[in-house]
Amino acid sequence: MNKPLLLLALLGLLAVAAPAEKLDLGEGKAALFTVPETWKPAAMPPGPSGMPALGTNVRYVTKNGSNDAVLITLIAVPDDRFADRENLRAMIEEATQQFAAGSVEGKANLTELRVGSHAGYSVAFTDASLVGKPPVKEDYKTLTSCFVYLGDKVMLTATIFSDDLSGKAYAEAFKLLKSIALTSGKGGAI
């Protein structure tokens, strides 16, 4: 088989194996992303009583029932201030400070996260009170907060919940996040 046909065949197989999800953000914008075939949509956990949902939210869990989940929130922001990496970094350090005290890490260790051509940060925390204990469903040993400004006044925030930062499900959750692309309502990239 010649190379162009082989490439088309492989791309076709990938498209069948992992169809793109579309999340309507309103105002002619949408987010497209690929969910690994080992994951499925799940109901959102209940939020604080009387608090409206912030942004557009979706949650995915593993089909095999492992103690892993990813919560994706896309938020309309009033301006482009988070396009500046220092502003984004300062916001993340403040937003994640609450998790540092009870964590093994003791502080926010930011790591660069790239989603398409956009750069942001992720920060992982390990719950010190759960280390060495058996897993408890939906009481995760780790959480990883991710923040990327996608442009056009849209901020991606996501939280990956897991018991194993080196596990397959954790890597798949990151792959899902890295597949997110902001588009116009007509399907064009923004």
N, C-alpha and C. Protein backbone atom coordinates (compact mmCIF):
# COMPACT_ATOMS: atom_id res chain seq x y z
N MET A 1 0.86 -1.17 0.00
CA MET A 1 0.00 0.00 0.00
C MET A 1 0.91 1.24 0.00
N ASN A 2 0.55 2.23 -0.79
CA ASN A 2 1.41 3.41 -0.80
C ASN A 2 1.19 4.26 0.46
N LYS A 3 2.15 5.12 0.75
CA LYS A 3 2.14 5.85 2.02
C LYS A 3 0.91 6.74 2.22
N PRO A 4 0.45 7.50 1.22
CA PRO A 4 -0.73 8.33 1.44
C PRO A 4 -1.97 7.49 1.77
N LEU A 5 -2.15 6.36 1.10
CA LEU A 5 -3.30 5.52 1.40
C LEU A 5 -3.20 4.90 2.80
N LEU A 6 -2.00 4.49 3.18
CA LEU A 6 -1.79 3.93 4.51
C LEU A 6 -2.10 4.97 5.58
N LEU A 7 -1.66 6.20 5.37
CA LEU A 7 -1.92 7.28 6.31
C LEU A 7 -3.42 7.54 6.43
N LEU A 8 -4.13 7.59 5.31
CA LEU A 8 -5.58 7.79 5.34
C LEU A 8 -6.28 6.64 6.06
N ALA A 9 -5.84 5.42 5.83
CA ALA A 9 -6.44 4.27 6.51
C ALA A 9 -6.23 4.36 8.02
N LEU A 10 -5.02 4.72 8.45
CA LEU A 10 -4.75 4.86 9.87
C LEU A 10 -5.57 5.97 10.50
N LEU A 11 -5.69 7.09 9.82
CA LEU A 11 -6.50 8.18 10.33
C LEU A 11 -7.97 7.78 10.44
N GLY A 12 -8.43 7.02 9.47
CA GLY A 12 -9.80 6.51 9.52
C GLY A 12 -10.03 5.61 10.71
N LEU A 13 -9.07 4.74 11.02
CA LEU A 13 -9.18 3.86 12.18
C LEU A 13 -9.20 4.67 13.47
N LEU A 14 -8.38 5.69 13.55
CA LEU A 14 -8.35 6.53 14.74
C LEU A 14 -9.68 7.26 14.92
N ALA A 15 -10.24 7.73 13.83
CA ALA A 15 -11.52 8.44 13.91
C ALA A 15 -12.62 7.52 14.39
N VAL A 16 -12.61 6.26 13.97
CA VAL A 16 -13.62 5.30 14.40
C VAL A 16 -13.41 4.95 15.87
N ALA A 17 -12.17 4.77 16.29
CA ALA A 17 -11.87 4.34 17.65
C ALA A 17 -12.15 5.43 18.68
N ALA A 18 -12.00 6.68 18.32
CA ALA A 18 -12.15 7.75 19.29
C ALA A 18 -12.85 8.95 18.65
N PRO A 19 -14.18 8.92 18.60
CA PRO A 19 -14.89 10.04 17.98
C PRO A 19 -14.76 11.32 18.81
N ALA A 20 -14.81 12.44 18.13
CA ALA A 20 -14.69 13.73 18.82
C ALA A 20 -16.01 14.08 19.51
N GLU A 21 -15.89 14.59 20.71
CA GLU A 21 -17.03 15.10 21.47
C GLU A 21 -17.10 16.59 21.19
N LYS A 22 -18.30 17.14 21.22
CA LYS A 22 -18.49 18.57 21.01
C LYS A 22 -19.26 19.13 22.19
N LEU A 23 -18.71 20.18 22.77
CA LEU A 23 -19.33 20.83 23.91
C LEU A 23 -19.66 22.26 23.50
N ASP A 24 -20.95 22.57 23.40
CA ASP A 24 -21.39 23.89 22.98
C ASP A 24 -21.16 24.88 24.11
N LEU A 25 -20.46 25.96 23.82
CA LEU A 25 -20.14 26.98 24.81
C LEU A 25 -20.99 28.23 24.67
N GLY A 26 -21.87 28.26 23.66
CA GLY A 26 -22.66 29.45 23.40
C GLY A 26 -21.86 30.49 22.65
N GLU A 27 -22.51 31.54 22.24
CA GLU A 27 -21.87 32.64 21.51
C GLU A 27 -21.08 32.18 20.30
N GLY A 28 -21.55 31.10 19.66
CA GLY A 28 -20.90 30.61 18.45
C GLY A 28 -19.60 29.86 18.69
N LYS A 29 -19.32 29.46 19.92
CA LYS A 29 -18.09 28.73 20.24
C LYS A 29 -18.42 27.32 20.70
N ALA A 30 -17.48 26.42 20.46
CA ALA A 30 -17.61 25.05 20.94
C ALA A 30 -16.22 24.52 21.23
N ALA A 31 -16.17 23.50 22.08
CA ALA A 31 -14.92 22.80 22.35
C ALA A 31 -15.06 21.40 21.78
N LEU A 32 -14.05 20.99 21.04
CA LEU A 32 -14.00 19.63 20.50
C LEU A 32 -12.88 18.90 21.24
N PHE A 33 -13.12 17.64 21.56
CA PHE A 33 -12.09 16.85 22.22
C PHE A 33 -12.37 15.37 22.00
N THR A 34 -11.35 14.58 22.22
CA THR A 34 -11.45 13.14 22.00
C THR A 34 -11.39 12.44 23.35
N VAL A 35 -12.41 11.62 23.59
CA VAL A 35 -12.48 10.85 24.83
C VAL A 35 -11.93 9.46 24.55
N PRO A 36 -10.96 9.00 25.35
CA PRO A 36 -10.44 7.65 25.14
C PRO A 36 -11.57 6.63 25.22
N GLU A 37 -11.47 5.57 24.45
CA GLU A 37 -12.56 4.59 24.41
C GLU A 37 -12.74 3.86 25.74
N THR A 38 -11.80 3.98 26.65
CA THR A 38 -11.91 3.34 27.96
C THR A 38 -12.59 4.24 28.99
N TRP A 39 -13.08 5.40 28.56
CA TRP A 39 -13.75 6.35 29.44
C TRP A 39 -15.19 6.55 28.99
N LYS A 40 -16.05 7.02 29.90
CA LYS A 40 -17.46 7.29 29.59
C LYS A 40 -17.91 8.55 30.33
N PRO A 41 -18.96 9.21 29.81
CA PRO A 41 -19.49 10.38 30.51
C PRO A 41 -20.11 9.96 31.84
N ALA A 42 -20.09 10.85 32.79
CA ALA A 42 -20.67 10.58 34.11
C ALA A 42 -21.39 11.82 34.61
N ALA A 43 -22.30 11.61 35.52
CA ALA A 43 -23.04 12.72 36.12
C ALA A 43 -22.08 13.60 36.91
N MET A 44 -22.41 14.86 36.95
CA MET A 44 -21.63 15.80 37.73
C MET A 44 -21.92 15.57 39.21
N PRO A 45 -20.89 15.67 40.06
CA PRO A 45 -21.16 15.56 41.49
C PRO A 45 -21.97 16.78 41.94
N PRO A 46 -22.76 16.62 42.99
CA PRO A 46 -23.54 17.78 43.45
C PRO A 46 -22.63 18.90 43.93
N GLY A 47 -22.99 20.11 43.56
CA GLY A 47 -22.22 21.27 43.98
C GLY A 47 -22.75 21.82 45.29
N PRO A 48 -22.11 22.86 45.78
CA PRO A 48 -22.61 23.48 47.01
C PRO A 48 -24.05 23.96 46.82
N SER A 49 -24.85 23.79 47.83
CA SER A 49 -26.26 24.15 47.78
C SER A 49 -26.43 25.63 47.44
N GLY A 50 -27.28 25.90 46.46
CA GLY A 50 -27.59 27.26 46.07
C GLY A 50 -26.57 27.92 45.17
N MET A 51 -25.47 27.24 44.85
CA MET A 51 -24.44 27.82 43.99
C MET A 51 -24.69 27.43 42.54
N PRO A 52 -24.78 28.41 41.64
CA PRO A 52 -24.95 28.05 40.23
C PRO A 52 -23.65 27.46 39.68
N ALA A 53 -23.79 26.64 38.64
CA ALA A 53 -22.60 26.05 38.00
C ALA A 53 -21.77 27.17 37.37
N LEU A 54 -20.47 27.03 37.47
CA LEU A 54 -19.56 28.00 36.90
C LEU A 54 -19.10 27.46 35.55
N GLY A 55 -19.47 28.09 34.46
CA GLY A 55 -19.04 27.65 33.14
C GLY A 55 -19.82 26.45 32.63
N THR A 56 -19.25 25.82 31.63
CA THR A 56 -19.82 24.62 31.02
C THR A 56 -18.99 23.44 31.51
N ASN A 57 -19.67 22.46 32.12
CA ASN A 57 -18.97 21.36 32.79
C ASN A 57 -19.32 20.01 32.20
N VAL A 58 -18.33 19.13 32.15
CA VAL A 58 -18.54 17.72 31.81
C VAL A 58 -17.61 16.89 32.68
N ARG A 59 -18.03 15.66 32.92
CA ARG A 59 -17.23 14.76 33.76
C ARG A 59 -17.17 13.40 33.08
N TYR A 60 -15.99 12.78 33.15
CA TYR A 60 -15.79 11.44 32.59
C TYR A 60 -15.14 10.56 33.64
N VAL A 61 -15.50 9.28 33.61
CA VAL A 61 -14.90 8.27 34.49
C VAL A 61 -14.50 7.08 33.63
N THR A 62 -13.67 6.22 34.19
CA THR A 62 -13.24 5.04 33.45
C THR A 62 -14.38 4.02 33.39
N LYS A 63 -14.45 3.31 32.28
CA LYS A 63 -15.46 2.27 32.11
C LYS A 63 -15.21 1.07 33.02
N ASN A 64 -13.95 0.84 33.38
CA ASN A 64 -13.63 -0.32 34.20
C ASN A 64 -13.87 -0.09 35.70
N GLY A 65 -14.32 1.09 36.07
CA GLY A 65 -14.65 1.37 37.45
C GLY A 65 -13.47 1.73 38.34
N SER A 66 -12.29 1.95 37.75
CA SER A 66 -11.15 2.36 38.57
C SER A 66 -11.46 3.71 39.22
N ASN A 67 -10.74 4.04 40.24
CA ASN A 67 -10.99 5.27 40.97
C ASN A 67 -10.31 6.45 40.28
N ASP A 68 -10.81 6.77 39.08
CA ASP A 68 -10.26 7.85 38.26
C ASP A 68 -11.41 8.64 37.64
N ALA A 69 -11.26 9.95 37.57
CA ALA A 69 -12.27 10.81 36.94
C ALA A 69 -11.58 12.07 36.44
N VAL A 70 -12.22 12.70 35.48
CA VAL A 70 -11.74 14.00 35.02
C VAL A 70 -12.96 14.92 34.91
N LEU A 71 -12.82 16.10 35.47
CA LEU A 71 -13.87 17.12 35.43
C LEU A 71 -13.33 18.27 34.59
N ILE A 72 -14.05 18.60 33.53
CA ILE A 72 -13.63 19.67 32.61
C ILE A 72 -14.62 20.81 32.74
N THR A 73 -14.10 22.01 32.93
CA THR A 73 -14.93 23.21 32.99
C THR A 73 -14.35 24.24 32.02
N LEU A 74 -15.20 24.76 31.17
CA LEU A 74 -14.81 25.83 30.25
C LEU A 74 -15.56 27.08 30.68
N ILE A 75 -14.80 28.13 30.99
CA ILE A 75 -15.35 29.34 31.59
C ILE A 75 -15.14 30.53 30.67
N ALA A 76 -16.19 31.29 30.45
CA ALA A 76 -16.06 32.56 29.74
C ALA A 76 -15.44 33.56 30.71
N VAL A 77 -14.37 34.20 30.28
CA VAL A 77 -13.71 35.21 31.11
C VAL A 77 -13.88 36.56 30.43
N PRO A 78 -13.87 37.66 31.20
CA PRO A 78 -14.20 38.96 30.62
C PRO A 78 -13.17 39.56 29.68
N ASP A 79 -11.92 39.09 29.75
CA ASP A 79 -10.89 39.68 28.90
C ASP A 79 -9.76 38.67 28.69
N ASP A 80 -8.69 39.12 28.07
CA ASP A 80 -7.57 38.24 27.73
C ASP A 80 -6.42 38.28 28.74
N ARG A 81 -6.67 38.70 29.98
CA ARG A 81 -5.57 38.86 30.95
C ARG A 81 -4.82 37.55 31.20
N PHE A 82 -5.49 36.39 31.03
CA PHE A 82 -4.82 35.12 31.30
C PHE A 82 -4.01 34.61 30.11
N ALA A 83 -3.99 35.38 29.03
CA ALA A 83 -3.07 35.09 27.93
C ALA A 83 -1.64 35.39 28.39
N ASP A 84 -1.51 36.28 29.37
CA ASP A 84 -0.22 36.59 29.97
C ASP A 84 0.11 35.48 30.97
N ARG A 85 1.20 34.79 30.75
CA ARG A 85 1.55 33.61 31.56
C ARG A 85 1.77 33.95 33.03
N GLU A 86 2.28 35.14 33.32
CA GLU A 86 2.49 35.52 34.72
C GLU A 86 1.16 35.72 35.44
N ASN A 87 0.18 36.34 34.75
CA ASN A 87 -1.16 36.49 35.33
C ASN A 87 -1.79 35.12 35.57
N LEU A 88 -1.64 34.22 34.61
CA LEU A 88 -2.19 32.87 34.73
C LEU A 88 -1.53 32.14 35.90
N ARG A 89 -0.23 32.24 35.98
CA ARG A 89 0.51 31.57 37.06
C ARG A 89 0.07 32.08 38.44
N ALA A 90 -0.07 33.39 38.58
CA ALA A 90 -0.48 33.98 39.86
C ALA A 90 -1.89 33.51 40.23
N MET A 91 -2.79 33.45 39.27
CA MET A 91 -4.15 32.99 39.53
C MET A 91 -4.15 31.54 39.99
N ILE A 92 -3.35 30.70 39.35
CA ILE A 92 -3.29 29.28 39.70
C ILE A 92 -2.70 29.09 41.09
N GLU A 93 -1.65 29.80 41.39
CA GLU A 93 -1.04 29.68 42.72
C GLU A 93 -2.04 30.05 43.81
N GLU A 94 -2.84 31.08 43.57
CA GLU A 94 -3.85 31.48 44.54
C GLU A 94 -4.99 30.46 44.61
N ALA A 95 -5.45 29.99 43.45
CA ALA A 95 -6.59 29.06 43.40
C ALA A 95 -6.27 27.70 43.99
N THR A 96 -5.01 27.28 43.94
CA THR A 96 -4.65 25.94 44.41
C THR A 96 -4.04 25.94 45.81
N GLN A 97 -3.84 27.09 46.39
CA GLN A 97 -3.22 27.20 47.71
C GLN A 97 -3.96 26.37 48.76
N GLN A 98 -5.27 26.29 48.65
CA GLN A 98 -6.08 25.55 49.63
C GLN A 98 -5.73 24.07 49.71
N PHE A 99 -5.15 23.51 48.64
CA PHE A 99 -4.83 22.08 48.61
C PHE A 99 -3.43 21.78 49.15
N ALA A 100 -2.58 22.77 49.21
CA ALA A 100 -1.18 22.56 49.57
C ALA A 100 -1.00 22.11 51.02
N ALA A 101 -1.74 22.71 51.95
CA ALA A 101 -1.52 22.43 53.37
C ALA A 101 -1.68 20.96 53.73
N GLY A 102 -2.69 20.29 53.21
CA GLY A 102 -2.93 18.89 53.55
C GLY A 102 -2.29 17.91 52.59
N SER A 103 -1.40 18.42 51.74
CA SER A 103 -0.80 17.55 50.72
C SER A 103 0.58 17.08 51.11
N VAL A 104 1.01 16.00 50.49
CA VAL A 104 2.37 15.51 50.65
C VAL A 104 3.35 16.56 50.12
N GLU A 105 3.00 17.22 49.03
CA GLU A 105 3.89 18.18 48.37
C GLU A 105 4.10 19.44 49.23
N GLY A 106 3.07 19.87 49.95
CA GLY A 106 3.18 21.04 50.81
C GLY A 106 3.17 22.38 50.09
N LYS A 107 3.23 22.35 48.78
CA LYS A 107 3.20 23.59 47.99
C LYS A 107 2.79 23.25 46.57
N ALA A 108 2.46 24.29 45.81
CA ALA A 108 2.07 24.11 44.42
C ALA A 108 3.31 24.07 43.54
N ASN A 109 3.56 22.92 42.93
CA ASN A 109 4.68 22.76 41.99
C ASN A 109 4.07 22.76 40.58
N LEU A 110 4.07 23.93 39.94
CA LEU A 110 3.45 24.05 38.64
C LEU A 110 4.30 23.42 37.54
N THR A 111 3.61 22.73 36.62
CA THR A 111 4.24 22.11 35.47
C THR A 111 3.56 22.66 34.23
N GLU A 112 4.33 22.97 33.19
CA GLU A 112 3.72 23.48 31.96
C GLU A 112 2.83 22.42 31.34
N LEU A 113 1.69 22.86 30.83
CA LEU A 113 0.72 22.00 30.14
C LEU A 113 0.38 22.65 28.82
N ARG A 114 0.55 21.92 27.73
CA ARG A 114 0.23 22.45 26.40
C ARG A 114 -1.04 21.78 25.90
N VAL A 115 -1.97 22.61 25.45
CA VAL A 115 -3.20 22.16 24.82
C VAL A 115 -3.22 22.83 23.45
N GLY A 116 -2.91 22.05 22.43
CA GLY A 116 -2.75 22.63 21.10
C GLY A 116 -1.62 23.65 21.13
N SER A 117 -1.89 24.85 20.63
CA SER A 117 -0.85 25.89 20.61
C SER A 117 -0.88 26.75 21.88
N HIS A 118 -1.72 26.38 22.84
CA HIS A 118 -1.88 27.17 24.05
C HIS A 118 -1.12 26.53 25.21
N ALA A 119 -0.48 27.38 26.01
CA ALA A 119 0.27 26.88 27.16
C ALA A 119 -0.41 27.31 28.44
N GLY A 120 -0.42 26.41 29.40
CA GLY A 120 -0.95 26.69 30.72
C GLY A 120 -0.14 25.90 31.72
N TYR A 121 -0.79 25.54 32.83
CA TYR A 121 -0.09 24.84 33.88
C TYR A 121 -0.98 23.76 34.50
N SER A 122 -0.32 22.76 35.06
CA SER A 122 -1.00 21.78 35.89
C SER A 122 -0.24 21.71 37.21
N VAL A 123 -0.94 21.30 38.25
CA VAL A 123 -0.32 21.13 39.56
C VAL A 123 -1.00 19.96 40.26
N ALA A 124 -0.19 19.02 40.73
CA ALA A 124 -0.71 17.80 41.37
C ALA A 124 -0.52 17.87 42.88
N PHE A 125 -1.51 17.37 43.59
CA PHE A 125 -1.46 17.29 45.03
C PHE A 125 -1.83 15.87 45.47
N THR A 126 -1.10 15.36 46.45
CA THR A 126 -1.37 14.04 47.01
C THR A 126 -1.89 14.25 48.43
N ASP A 127 -3.07 13.71 48.71
CA ASP A 127 -3.69 13.85 50.03
C ASP A 127 -2.89 13.05 51.06
N ALA A 128 -2.21 13.74 51.96
CA ALA A 128 -1.34 13.08 52.94
C ALA A 128 -2.12 12.11 53.82
N SER A 129 -3.39 12.39 54.08
CA SER A 129 -4.17 11.52 54.97
C SER A 129 -4.58 10.20 54.31
N LEU A 130 -4.41 10.08 52.99
CA LEU A 130 -4.81 8.86 52.28
C LEU A 130 -3.64 7.99 51.85
N VAL A 131 -2.42 8.50 52.01
CA VAL A 131 -1.23 7.75 51.59
C VAL A 131 -1.13 6.46 52.43
N GLY A 132 -0.90 5.34 51.74
CA GLY A 132 -0.74 4.06 52.40
C GLY A 132 -2.05 3.38 52.78
N LYS A 133 -3.16 4.01 52.46
CA LYS A 133 -4.47 3.43 52.78
C LYS A 133 -5.07 2.83 51.51
N PRO A 134 -5.95 1.84 51.66
CA PRO A 134 -6.59 1.26 50.47
C PRO A 134 -7.50 2.28 49.79
N PRO A 135 -7.69 2.13 48.47
CA PRO A 135 -8.56 3.06 47.75
C PRO A 135 -10.00 3.02 48.27
N VAL A 136 -10.63 4.18 48.27
CA VAL A 136 -12.04 4.31 48.62
C VAL A 136 -12.70 5.02 47.44
N LYS A 137 -13.75 4.42 46.89
CA LYS A 137 -14.41 4.96 45.70
C LYS A 137 -14.74 6.44 45.90
N GLU A 138 -14.31 7.25 44.97
CA GLU A 138 -14.54 8.69 44.88
C GLU A 138 -13.94 9.48 46.04
N ASP A 139 -12.97 8.90 46.74
CA ASP A 139 -12.15 9.62 47.71
C ASP A 139 -10.73 9.46 47.20
N TYR A 140 -10.34 10.33 46.31
CA TYR A 140 -9.13 10.18 45.51
C TYR A 140 -7.87 10.57 46.28
N LYS A 141 -6.81 9.83 46.08
CA LYS A 141 -5.55 10.13 46.75
C LYS A 141 -4.87 11.35 46.14
N THR A 142 -5.11 11.59 44.85
CA THR A 142 -4.48 12.73 44.18
C THR A 142 -5.51 13.55 43.42
N LEU A 143 -5.20 14.81 43.28
CA LEU A 143 -5.95 15.65 42.35
C LEU A 143 -4.94 16.50 41.62
N THR A 144 -5.19 16.67 40.34
CA THR A 144 -4.33 17.50 39.51
C THR A 144 -5.21 18.59 38.92
N SER A 145 -4.91 19.83 39.24
CA SER A 145 -5.64 20.98 38.70
C SER A 145 -4.92 21.48 37.47
N CYS A 146 -5.68 21.73 36.42
CA CYS A 146 -5.11 22.17 35.14
C CYS A 146 -5.80 23.45 34.70
N PHE A 147 -5.02 24.40 34.18
CA PHE A 147 -5.55 25.68 33.73
C PHE A 147 -4.84 26.07 32.44
N VAL A 148 -5.63 26.34 31.40
CA VAL A 148 -5.08 26.79 30.13
C VAL A 148 -6.03 27.83 29.55
N TYR A 149 -5.50 29.00 29.21
CA TYR A 149 -6.30 30.00 28.51
C TYR A 149 -6.30 29.62 27.05
N LEU A 150 -7.50 29.31 26.50
CA LEU A 150 -7.62 28.83 25.12
C LEU A 150 -7.78 29.96 24.10
N GLY A 151 -7.83 31.19 24.55
CA GLY A 151 -8.04 32.31 23.64
C GLY A 151 -9.52 32.63 23.55
N ASP A 152 -9.84 33.69 22.86
CA ASP A 152 -11.21 34.13 22.62
C ASP A 152 -12.05 34.16 23.91
N LYS A 153 -11.41 34.59 25.00
CA LYS A 153 -12.06 34.76 26.30
C LYS A 153 -12.63 33.46 26.87
N VAL A 154 -11.91 32.35 26.65
CA VAL A 154 -12.32 31.05 27.19
C VAL A 154 -11.16 30.44 27.98
N MET A 155 -11.43 30.10 29.24
CA MET A 155 -10.45 29.46 30.11
C MET A 155 -10.86 28.00 30.31
N LEU A 156 -9.90 27.12 30.12
CA LEU A 156 -10.08 25.70 30.43
C LEU A 156 -9.56 25.46 31.84
N THR A 157 -10.41 24.93 32.68
CA THR A 157 -9.96 24.44 33.98
C THR A 157 -10.38 22.98 34.02
N ALA A 158 -9.55 22.16 34.57
CA ALA A 158 -9.87 20.74 34.66
C ALA A 158 -9.24 20.18 35.91
N THR A 159 -9.87 19.16 36.44
CA THR A 159 -9.31 18.45 37.58
C THR A 159 -9.31 16.97 37.26
N ILE A 160 -8.14 16.38 37.41
CA ILE A 160 -7.99 14.94 37.23
C ILE A 160 -7.91 14.34 38.63
N PHE A 161 -8.82 13.43 38.92
CA PHE A 161 -8.85 12.74 40.21
C PHE A 161 -8.35 11.32 39.98
N SER A 162 -7.45 10.86 40.84
CA SER A 162 -6.87 9.53 40.66
C SER A 162 -6.26 9.03 41.97
N ASP A 163 -5.96 7.75 41.99
CA ASP A 163 -5.19 7.18 43.09
C ASP A 163 -3.75 6.93 42.68
N ASP A 164 -3.45 7.09 41.37
CA ASP A 164 -2.13 6.71 40.86
C ASP A 164 -1.67 7.69 39.78
N LEU A 165 -0.74 8.56 40.15
CA LEU A 165 -0.24 9.55 39.19
C LEU A 165 0.57 8.92 38.06
N SER A 166 0.99 7.69 38.22
CA SER A 166 1.75 7.03 37.15
C SER A 166 0.90 5.98 36.42
N GLY A 167 -0.39 5.95 36.69
CA GLY A 167 -1.26 4.95 36.09
C GLY A 167 -1.71 5.28 34.68
N LYS A 168 -2.22 4.27 34.00
CA LYS A 168 -2.70 4.40 32.62
C LYS A 168 -3.87 5.38 32.54
N ALA A 169 -4.82 5.30 33.48
CA ALA A 169 -5.99 6.18 33.44
C ALA A 169 -5.57 7.64 33.59
N TYR A 170 -4.59 7.91 34.44
CA TYR A 170 -4.11 9.28 34.63
C TYR A 170 -3.53 9.81 33.32
N ALA A 171 -2.73 9.00 32.65
CA ALA A 171 -2.15 9.42 31.36
C ALA A 171 -3.26 9.64 30.32
N GLU A 172 -4.27 8.79 30.32
CA GLU A 172 -5.38 8.96 29.38
C GLU A 172 -6.16 10.24 29.66
N ALA A 173 -6.32 10.59 30.92
CA ALA A 173 -7.02 11.84 31.25
C ALA A 173 -6.27 13.05 30.70
N PHE A 174 -4.95 13.03 30.81
CA PHE A 174 -4.15 14.11 30.24
C PHE A 174 -4.28 14.14 28.71
N LYS A 175 -4.32 12.97 28.11
CA LYS A 175 -4.47 12.90 26.65
C LYS A 175 -5.80 13.52 26.23
N LEU A 176 -6.86 13.25 26.99
CA LEU A 176 -8.16 13.86 26.72
C LEU A 176 -8.04 15.38 26.78
N LEU A 177 -7.44 15.90 27.84
CA LEU A 177 -7.30 17.36 27.99
C LEU A 177 -6.50 17.97 26.85
N LYS A 178 -5.42 17.31 26.47
CA LYS A 178 -4.57 17.85 25.41
C LYS A 178 -5.24 17.82 24.04
N SER A 179 -6.34 17.09 23.91
CA SER A 179 -7.05 17.03 22.62
C SER A 179 -8.05 18.17 22.47
N ILE A 180 -8.29 18.95 23.51
CA ILE A 180 -9.31 20.00 23.46
C ILE A 180 -8.91 21.11 22.50
N ALA A 181 -9.85 21.47 21.65
CA ALA A 181 -9.65 22.57 20.70
C ALA A 181 -10.89 23.45 20.70
N LEU A 182 -10.68 24.73 20.77
CA LEU A 182 -11.77 25.70 20.72
C LEU A 182 -12.08 26.00 19.26
N THR A 183 -13.36 25.97 18.90
CA THR A 183 -13.77 26.24 17.52
C THR A 183 -14.90 27.24 17.50
N SER A 184 -15.11 27.80 16.32
CA SER A 184 -16.29 28.62 16.12
C SER A 184 -17.47 27.67 15.95
N GLY A 185 -18.68 28.15 16.08
CA GLY A 185 -19.86 27.31 15.94
C GLY A 185 -19.95 26.62 14.60
N LYS A 186 -19.24 27.12 13.62
CA LYS A 186 -19.25 26.52 12.29
C LYS A 186 -18.17 25.47 12.12
N GLY A 187 -17.40 25.22 13.18
CA GLY A 187 -16.38 24.18 13.14
C GLY A 187 -14.99 24.67 12.86
N GLY A 188 -14.80 25.94 12.57
CA GLY A 188 -13.46 26.46 12.31
C GLY A 188 -12.69 26.68 13.59
N ALA A 189 -11.41 26.48 13.55
CA ALA A 189 -10.57 26.67 14.74
C ALA A 189 -10.49 28.14 15.09
N ILE A 190 -10.44 28.40 16.37
CA ILE A 190 -10.30 29.79 16.86
C ILE A 190 -8.86 30.00 17.25
